[in-house]
Amino acid sequence: MKKIMFPVITLLIISTSAFAWALTTWKVKPNQYEVKFSGGKIHGIFETLKANIQFDKENPEQSKISASIDANSLATGFFIKNMHAKSAIDADDYPTISFVATSVSKSTNAYQAVGKLTLKGVTKQVTIHFTFEDKGNEGVFKGEFKFLPKDFNVTRSGTPDEVTIDLNVPVTK
């Protein structure tokens, strides 16, 4: 029995290690990404993005994706709108907007990451539809998702009914 168990355990360890190596850790290229938001009369960008992306385009269900944005990096191009938007999301008390994928899957020629978005202290499930352009040691994730600000207790006058987030995230290995 011991003679059989050793090879089985060895094979299990080797196959698990080989599978784990298939996941590629991607690093966001500094100052090259875009996180845009738009809704109603407001649009702009978030100027900071930190992400941990372990992605395998062939086996996306094994992928792990998490990201955070400094809420105070919101920029609309007009300082009064910046102040109003930061106030609406209560950036001083809730300085981090975060997303953690709970599942990643492939759908036709694109992918989707279902996960938990936390904004203003409220966590809700969202689905980010995205593509990945693989360029060898580099790549680009492009995606979009929508959410309802009122679901996150963002109810200040002038807040749009729906906000769209557009992502363009160049990465390197």
C-alpha atoms as a PDB file:
ATOM      1  CA  MET A   1       0.000   0.000   0.000  1.00  0.00           C
ATOM      2  CA  LYS A   2       2.847   2.412   0.853  1.00  0.00           C
ATOM      3  CA  LYS A   3       4.438   1.674  -2.535  1.00  0.00           C
ATOM      4  CA  ILE A   4       1.255   2.804  -4.288  1.00  0.00           C
ATOM      5  CA  MET A   5       0.591   5.885  -2.155  1.00  0.00           C
ATOM      6  CA  PHE A   6       3.989   7.527  -2.721  1.00  0.00           C
ATOM      7  CA  PRO A   7       3.670   7.658  -6.538  1.00  0.00           C
ATOM      8  CA  VAL A   8       0.036   8.801  -6.274  1.00  0.00           C
ATOM      9  CA  ILE A   9       0.928  11.618  -3.881  1.00  0.00           C
ATOM     10  CA  THR A  10       3.924  12.615  -6.018  1.00  0.00           C
ATOM     11  CA  LEU A  11       1.770  12.699  -9.155  1.00  0.00           C
ATOM     12  CA  LEU A  12      -0.860  14.780  -7.346  1.00  0.00           C
ATOM     13  CA  ILE A  13       1.746  17.336  -6.198  1.00  0.00           C
ATOM     14  CA  ILE A  14       3.322  17.578  -9.651  1.00  0.00           C
ATOM     15  CA  SER A  15      -0.014  17.974 -11.432  1.00  0.00           C
ATOM     16  CA  THR A  16      -1.180  20.590  -8.920  1.00  0.00           C
ATOM     17  CA  SER A  17       2.093  22.520  -9.291  1.00  0.00           C
ATOM     18  CA  ALA A  18       1.901  22.399 -13.077  1.00  0.00           C
ATOM     19  CA  PHE A  19      -1.665  23.661 -12.978  1.00  0.00           C
ATOM     20  CA  ALA A  20      -0.769  26.517 -10.643  1.00  0.00           C
ATOM     21  CA  TRP A  21       1.993  27.642 -13.002  1.00  0.00           C
ATOM     22  CA  ALA A  22      -0.567  28.177 -15.791  1.00  0.00           C
ATOM     23  CA  LEU A  23      -1.939  31.243 -13.988  1.00  0.00           C
ATOM     24  CA  THR A  24      -0.083  34.359 -15.058  1.00  0.00           C
ATOM     25  CA  THR A  25       0.291  37.278 -12.694  1.00  0.00           C
ATOM     26  CA  TRP A  26      -0.236  40.513 -14.579  1.00  0.00           C
ATOM     27  CA  LYS A  27       0.939  43.903 -13.333  1.00  0.00           C
ATOM     28  CA  VAL A  28      -0.902  47.075 -14.270  1.00  0.00           C
ATOM     29  CA  LYS A  29       1.272  49.463 -16.283  1.00  0.00           C
ATOM     30  CA  PRO A  30       1.578  52.639 -14.190  1.00  0.00           C
ATOM     31  CA  ASN A  31      -0.019  55.789 -15.612  1.00  0.00           C
ATOM     32  CA  GLN A  32      -1.247  53.984 -18.735  1.00  0.00           C
ATOM     33  CA  TYR A  33      -4.613  52.679 -17.547  1.00  0.00           C
ATOM     34  CA  GLU A  34      -7.984  54.383 -17.823  1.00  0.00           C
ATOM     35  CA  VAL A  35     -10.872  53.994 -15.397  1.00  0.00           C
ATOM     36  CA  LYS A  36     -13.624  56.226 -16.793  1.00  0.00           C
ATOM     37  CA  PHE A  37     -17.059  56.833 -15.354  1.00  0.00           C
ATOM     38  CA  SER A  38     -20.110  58.392 -16.937  1.00  0.00           C
ATOM     39  CA  GLY A  39     -23.736  58.887 -16.110  1.00  0.00           C
ATOM     40  CA  GLY A  40     -26.221  61.664 -16.629  1.00  0.00           C
ATOM     41  CA  LYS A  41     -24.389  64.979 -16.743  1.00  0.00           C
ATOM     42  CA  ILE A  42     -21.246  63.736 -15.009  1.00  0.00           C
ATOM     43  CA  HIS A  43     -18.251  61.976 -16.454  1.00  0.00           C
ATOM     44  CA  GLY A  44     -14.604  61.687 -15.591  1.00  0.00           C
ATOM     45  CA  ILE A  45     -11.858  59.343 -14.502  1.00  0.00           C
ATOM     46  CA  PHE A  46     -10.329  57.792 -11.432  1.00  0.00           C
ATOM     47  CA  GLU A  47      -6.619  58.531 -11.450  1.00  0.00           C
ATOM     48  CA  THR A  48      -5.470  55.630  -9.245  1.00  0.00           C
ATOM     49  CA  LEU A  49      -5.808  51.900  -9.738  1.00  0.00           C
ATOM     50  CA  LYS A  50      -4.175  49.064  -7.838  1.00  0.00           C
ATOM     51  CA  ALA A  51      -4.898  45.536  -8.955  1.00  0.00           C
ATOM     52  CA  ASN A  52      -3.915  41.953  -8.332  1.00  0.00           C
ATOM     53  CA  ILE A  53      -4.608  40.033 -11.529  1.00  0.00           C
ATOM     54  CA  GLN A  54      -3.870  36.331 -11.880  1.00  0.00           C
ATOM     55  CA  PHE A  55      -5.433  35.368 -15.185  1.00  0.00           C
ATOM     56  CA  ASP A  56      -5.353  32.350 -17.486  1.00  0.00           C
ATOM     57  CA  LYS A  57      -7.212  33.001 -20.722  1.00  0.00           C
ATOM     58  CA  GLU A  58      -7.545  29.278 -21.417  1.00  0.00           C
ATOM     59  CA  ASN A  59      -8.875  28.442 -17.938  1.00  0.00           C
ATOM     60  CA  PRO A  60     -10.447  31.687 -16.727  1.00  0.00           C
ATOM     61  CA  GLU A  61     -12.349  29.944 -13.931  1.00  0.00           C
ATOM     62  CA  GLN A  62      -9.015  29.591 -12.096  1.00  0.00           C
ATOM     63  CA  SER A  63      -8.341  33.343 -12.304  1.00  0.00           C
ATOM     64  CA  LYS A  64      -8.217  35.690  -9.333  1.00  0.00           C
ATOM     65  CA  ILE A  65      -8.877  39.382  -9.821  1.00  0.00           C
ATOM     66  CA  SER A  66      -9.081  42.157  -7.262  1.00  0.00           C
ATOM     67  CA  ALA A  67      -8.726  45.904  -7.635  1.00  0.00           C
ATOM     68  CA  SER A  68      -8.996  49.071  -5.602  1.00  0.00           C
ATOM     69  CA  ILE A  69      -9.296  52.743  -6.434  1.00  0.00           C
ATOM     70  CA  ASP A  70      -8.641  55.767  -4.256  1.00  0.00           C
ATOM     71  CA  ALA A  71     -12.049  57.509  -4.197  1.00  0.00           C
ATOM     72  CA  ASN A  72     -10.284  60.856  -3.794  1.00  0.00           C
ATOM     73  CA  SER A  73      -8.602  60.386  -7.182  1.00  0.00           C
ATOM     74  CA  LEU A  74     -11.941  61.125  -8.878  1.00  0.00           C
ATOM     75  CA  ALA A  75     -11.494  63.823 -11.534  1.00  0.00           C
ATOM     76  CA  THR A  76     -14.189  65.377 -13.705  1.00  0.00           C
ATOM     77  CA  GLY A  77     -12.141  68.182 -15.226  1.00  0.00           C
ATOM     78  CA  PHE A  78     -13.942  70.797 -13.159  1.00  0.00           C
ATOM     79  CA  PHE A  79     -13.082  71.337  -9.484  1.00  0.00           C
ATOM     80  CA  ILE A  80     -16.657  72.085  -8.320  1.00  0.00           C
ATOM     81  CA  LYS A  81     -17.941  68.872  -9.925  1.00  0.00           C
ATOM     82  CA  ASN A  82     -15.018  67.040  -8.309  1.00  0.00           C
ATOM     83  CA  MET A  83     -16.052  68.321  -4.884  1.00  0.00           C
ATOM     84  CA  HIS A  84     -19.720  67.421  -5.423  1.00  0.00           C
ATOM     85  CA  ALA A  85     -18.934  63.936  -6.755  1.00  0.00           C
ATOM     86  CA  LYS A  86     -16.450  63.195  -3.943  1.00  0.00           C
ATOM     87  CA  SER A  87     -19.027  64.400  -1.433  1.00  0.00           C
ATOM     88  CA  ALA A  88     -21.714  62.174  -3.013  1.00  0.00           C
ATOM     89  CA  ILE A  89     -19.555  59.057  -2.617  1.00  0.00           C
ATOM     90  CA  ASP A  90     -18.334  60.261   0.786  1.00  0.00           C
ATOM     91  CA  ALA A  91     -14.703  59.874  -0.261  1.00  0.00           C
ATOM     92  CA  ASP A  92     -13.384  61.223   3.052  1.00  0.00           C
ATOM     93  CA  ASP A  93     -15.103  58.523   5.124  1.00  0.00           C
ATOM     94  CA  TYR A  94     -14.891  55.776   2.477  1.00  0.00           C
ATOM     95  CA  PRO A  95     -11.598  56.442   0.665  1.00  0.00           C
ATOM     96  CA  THR A  96     -11.413  53.087  -1.146  1.00  0.00           C
ATOM     97  CA  ILE A  97     -13.604  51.640  -3.868  1.00  0.00           C
ATOM     98  CA  SER A  98     -12.864  47.948  -4.343  1.00  0.00           C
ATOM     99  CA  PHE A  99     -13.783  44.967  -6.491  1.00  0.00           C
ATOM    100  CA  VAL A 100     -13.059  41.307  -5.759  1.00  0.00           C
ATOM    101  CA  ALA A 101     -14.029  38.689  -8.333  1.00  0.00           C
ATOM    102  CA  THR A 102     -15.838  35.644  -6.994  1.00  0.00           C
ATOM    103  CA  SER A 103     -15.853  33.941 -10.397  1.00  0.00           C
ATOM    104  CA  VAL A 104     -14.386  34.479 -13.850  1.00  0.00           C
ATOM    105  CA  SER A 105     -15.698  32.741 -16.948  1.00  0.00           C
ATOM    106  CA  LYS A 106     -15.481  32.822 -20.710  1.00  0.00           C
ATOM    107  CA  SER A 107     -18.479  33.727 -22.832  1.00  0.00           C
ATOM    108  CA  THR A 108     -18.079  33.379 -26.610  1.00  0.00           C
ATOM    109  CA  ASN A 109     -15.055  35.583 -27.475  1.00  0.00           C
ATOM    110  CA  ALA A 110     -15.009  37.566 -24.213  1.00  0.00           C
ATOM    111  CA  TYR A 111     -14.959  37.014 -20.455  1.00  0.00           C
ATOM    112  CA  GLN A 112     -16.932  38.054 -17.443  1.00  0.00           C
ATOM    113  CA  ALA A 113     -15.913  38.566 -13.853  1.00  0.00           C
ATOM    114  CA  VAL A 114     -18.684  38.358 -11.289  1.00  0.00           C
ATOM    115  CA  GLY A 115     -17.708  39.858  -7.981  1.00  0.00           C
ATOM    116  CA  LYS A 116     -18.271  42.186  -5.105  1.00  0.00           C
ATOM    117  CA  LEU A 117     -18.054  45.937  -5.621  1.00  0.00           C
ATOM    118  CA  THR A 118     -17.690  47.985  -2.429  1.00  0.00           C
ATOM    119  CA  LEU A 119     -18.502  51.678  -2.629  1.00  0.00           C
ATOM    120  CA  LYS A 120     -19.370  53.998   0.238  1.00  0.00           C
ATOM    121  CA  GLY A 121     -19.308  51.082   2.677  1.00  0.00           C
ATOM    122  CA  VAL A 122     -21.893  49.055   0.737  1.00  0.00           C
ATOM    123  CA  THR A 123     -21.023  45.811  -1.057  1.00  0.00           C
ATOM    124  CA  LYS A 124     -23.080  44.551  -4.008  1.00  0.00           C
ATOM    125  CA  GLN A 125     -22.540  42.008  -6.752  1.00  0.00           C
ATOM    126  CA  VAL A 126     -21.648  43.317 -10.215  1.00  0.00           C
ATOM    127  CA  THR A 127     -20.589  41.673 -13.458  1.00  0.00           C
ATOM    128  CA  ILE A 128     -17.712  43.105 -15.462  1.00  0.00           C
ATOM    129  CA  HIS A 129     -17.725  42.062 -19.118  1.00  0.00           C
ATOM    130  CA  PHE A 130     -14.205  42.232 -20.528  1.00  0.00           C
ATOM    131  CA  THR A 131     -11.842  41.215 -23.278  1.00  0.00           C
ATOM    132  CA  PHE A 132      -8.168  40.377 -23.010  1.00  0.00           C
ATOM    133  CA  GLU A 133      -5.717  41.108 -25.794  1.00  0.00           C
ATOM    134  CA  ASP A 134      -2.662  38.929 -25.229  1.00  0.00           C
ATOM    135  CA  LYS A 135       0.563  40.357 -26.656  1.00  0.00           C
ATOM    136  CA  GLY A 136       3.025  37.839 -25.185  1.00  0.00           C
ATOM    137  CA  ASN A 137       4.644  39.538 -22.180  1.00  0.00           C
ATOM    138  CA  GLU A 138       2.075  42.319 -22.316  1.00  0.00           C
ATOM    139  CA  GLY A 139      -1.659  42.543 -22.706  1.00  0.00           C
ATOM    140  CA  VAL A 140      -4.693  44.770 -22.379  1.00  0.00           C
ATOM    141  CA  PHE A 141      -7.846  44.160 -20.372  1.00  0.00           C
ATOM    142  CA  LYS A 142     -10.831  46.181 -21.640  1.00  0.00           C
ATOM    143  CA  GLY A 143     -14.133  46.046 -19.861  1.00  0.00           C
ATOM    144  CA  GLU A 144     -17.334  47.721 -18.828  1.00  0.00           C
ATOM    145  CA  PHE A 145     -19.968  47.476 -16.154  1.00  0.00           C
ATOM    146  CA  LYS A 146     -22.904  49.493 -14.914  1.00  0.00           C
ATOM    147  CA  PHE A 147     -24.344  50.053 -11.482  1.00  0.00           C
ATOM    148  CA  LEU A 148     -27.088  52.022  -9.782  1.00  0.00           C
ATOM    149  CA  PRO A 149     -25.637  54.612  -7.377  1.00  0.00           C
ATOM    150  CA  LYS A 150     -28.728  54.446  -5.131  1.00  0.00           C
ATOM    151  CA  ASP A 151     -27.877  50.755  -4.438  1.00  0.00           C
ATOM    152  CA  PHE A 152     -24.703  52.076  -2.764  1.00  0.00           C
ATOM    153  CA  ASN A 153     -26.462  54.860  -0.849  1.00  0.00           C
ATOM    154  CA  VAL A 154     -25.228  57.495  -3.289  1.00  0.00           C
ATOM    155  CA  THR A 155     -28.330  59.688  -3.311  1.00  0.00           C
ATOM    156  CA  ARG A 156     -27.100  63.280  -3.488  1.00  0.00           C
ATOM    157  CA  SER A 157     -29.150  65.576  -5.719  1.00  0.00           C
ATOM    158  CA  GLY A 158     -27.803  65.422  -9.261  1.00  0.00           C
ATOM    159  CA  THR A 159     -26.572  61.837  -8.927  1.00  0.00           C
ATOM    160  CA  PRO A 160     -27.322  59.925 -12.152  1.00  0.00           C
ATOM    161  CA  ASP A 161     -29.699  56.964 -12.070  1.00  0.00           C
ATOM    162  CA  GLU A 162     -27.021  54.720 -13.589  1.00  0.00           C
ATOM    163  CA  VAL A 163     -23.228  54.940 -13.861  1.00  0.00           C
ATOM    164  CA  THR A 164     -21.098  53.196 -16.475  1.00  0.00           C
ATOM    165  CA  ILE A 165     -17.491  52.299 -15.728  1.00  0.00           C
ATOM    166  CA  ASP A 166     -15.178  51.764 -18.709  1.00  0.00           C
ATOM    167  CA  LEU A 167     -11.833  50.048 -18.116  1.00  0.00           C
ATOM    168  CA  ASN A 168      -8.735  50.011 -20.312  1.00  0.00           C
ATOM    169  CA  VAL A 169      -5.927  48.366 -18.378  1.00  0.00           C
ATOM    170  CA  PRO A 170      -2.569  47.645 -20.073  1.00  0.00           C
ATOM    171  CA  VAL A 171      -0.570  44.995 -18.196  1.00  0.00           C
ATOM    172  CA  THR A 172       2.802  43.256 -18.202  1.00  0.00           C
ATOM    173  CA  LYS A 173       3.947  39.903 -16.867  1.00  0.00           C
END
